[in-house]
Amino acid sequence: MNSTKEIIEQLQLRKSSLCCEDVKQLLTSLGFDVRDGKLGGHKIYVHQGLPSFHSGSFNCRHGKNPEIKPAYITKIVQVLKQYKNELDDYLEKKDA
């Protein structure tokens, strides 16, 4: 299993070449629930273990597993950094 720190690093290193499924998988591995938004390609992510976090979103554009714009990856990284300690605690409890 990847730690929050490792996932942040992966996102930062591959910022300009991440596909929708890659990002969904990384977020899911941290306990996020990724759902379809109201518009095509729009994704919303929430986390039950983070009471102070409401939701975030990104856009997958159109087509089969398209790349996500780097600006969305930057926002996701900011969220992960902001909630890193809480995410690490959540993952520790989940694995215990």
Protein backbone atom coordinates (compact mmCIF):
# COMPACT_ATOMS: atom_id res chain seq x y z
CA MET A 1 0.00 0.00 0.00
CA ASN A 2 1.18 3.50 -0.80
CA SER A 3 1.45 6.16 1.87
CA THR A 4 -0.04 9.62 1.48
CA LYS A 5 3.48 10.98 0.95
CA GLU A 6 4.21 8.46 -1.83
CA ILE A 7 0.97 9.27 -3.62
CA ILE A 8 1.65 13.01 -3.39
CA GLU A 9 5.08 12.38 -4.92
CA GLN A 10 3.59 10.26 -7.73
CA LEU A 11 1.05 12.94 -8.53
CA GLN A 12 3.70 15.66 -8.59
CA LEU A 13 6.12 13.65 -10.75
CA ARG A 14 3.52 12.59 -13.29
CA LYS A 15 1.44 15.78 -13.17
CA SER A 16 1.25 16.25 -16.93
CA SER A 17 0.66 12.62 -17.90
CA LEU A 18 -1.94 11.25 -15.49
CA CYS A 19 -5.07 9.63 -16.85
CA CYS A 20 -8.44 9.65 -15.15
CA GLU A 21 -8.27 6.01 -14.04
CA ASP A 22 -4.80 6.54 -12.52
CA VAL A 23 -6.02 9.42 -10.37
CA LYS A 24 -9.19 7.59 -9.36
CA GLN A 25 -7.11 4.57 -8.30
CA LEU A 26 -4.65 6.69 -6.29
CA LEU A 27 -7.44 8.54 -4.48
CA THR A 28 -9.34 5.32 -3.80
CA SER A 29 -6.21 3.78 -2.27
CA LEU A 30 -6.28 6.61 0.29
CA GLY A 31 -9.91 5.90 1.18
CA PHE A 32 -11.59 8.49 -1.05
CA ASP A 33 -14.83 7.69 -2.81
CA VAL A 34 -14.70 8.98 -6.41
CA ARG A 35 -18.05 9.46 -8.14
CA ASP A 36 -19.36 10.89 -11.38
CA GLY A 37 -20.46 14.50 -11.22
CA LYS A 38 -23.43 16.03 -13.00
CA LEU A 39 -21.53 16.87 -16.18
CA GLY A 40 -19.74 14.43 -18.46
CA GLY A 41 -16.18 13.75 -17.35
CA HIS A 42 -16.65 15.60 -14.07
CA LYS A 43 -15.60 13.59 -10.99
CA ILE A 44 -16.21 14.35 -7.31
CA TYR A 45 -14.20 12.85 -4.47
CA VAL A 46 -15.19 12.62 -0.81
CA HIS A 47 -13.75 10.87 2.24
CA GLN A 48 -15.72 9.45 5.17
CA GLY A 49 -12.67 9.48 7.45
CA LEU A 50 -12.04 13.22 7.06
CA PRO A 51 -14.91 15.02 8.85
CA SER A 52 -13.55 18.48 8.02
CA PHE A 53 -13.18 17.70 4.28
CA HIS A 54 -16.34 18.15 2.24
CA SER A 55 -15.41 17.32 -1.35
CA GLY A 56 -13.09 18.01 -4.24
CA SER A 57 -13.48 17.63 -7.97
CA PHE A 58 -11.62 17.21 -11.21
CA ASN A 59 -12.51 16.86 -14.87
CA CYS A 60 -11.54 13.87 -16.97
CA ARG A 61 -12.59 15.53 -20.24
CA HIS A 62 -13.93 13.15 -22.90
CA GLY A 63 -12.85 9.88 -24.44
CA LYS A 64 -11.47 6.66 -23.04
CA ASN A 65 -9.30 7.30 -19.98
CA PRO A 66 -8.19 10.83 -21.00
CA GLU A 67 -5.41 12.77 -19.31
CA ILE A 68 -6.30 15.20 -16.55
CA LYS A 69 -5.13 18.80 -16.80
CA PRO A 70 -2.17 19.55 -14.49
CA ALA A 71 -4.17 22.27 -12.68
CA TYR A 72 -6.56 19.61 -11.32
CA ILE A 73 -3.61 17.51 -10.14
CA THR A 74 -2.18 20.56 -8.35
CA LYS A 75 -5.50 21.03 -6.50
CA ILE A 76 -5.63 17.35 -5.53
CA VAL A 77 -2.05 17.54 -4.21
CA GLN A 78 -2.98 20.61 -2.14
CA VAL A 79 -5.90 18.69 -0.58
CA LEU A 80 -3.69 15.67 0.16
CA LYS A 81 -1.03 17.86 1.76
CA GLN A 82 -3.62 19.70 3.84
CA TYR A 83 -5.13 16.47 5.17
CA LYS A 84 -1.95 14.33 5.16
CA ASN A 85 -1.86 13.66 8.91
CA GLU A 86 -5.54 12.76 9.03
CA LEU A 87 -5.18 10.51 5.99
CA ASP A 88 -2.17 8.75 7.51
CA ASP A 89 -4.13 8.18 10.75
CA TYR A 90 -7.08 6.84 8.75
CA LEU A 91 -4.87 4.43 6.80
CA GLU A 92 -3.15 3.20 9.98
CA LYS A 93 -6.49 2.44 11.64
CA LYS A 94 -7.81 0.80 8.50
CA ASP A 95 -4.79 -1.54 8.28
CA ALA A 96 -4.75 -2.37 11.99
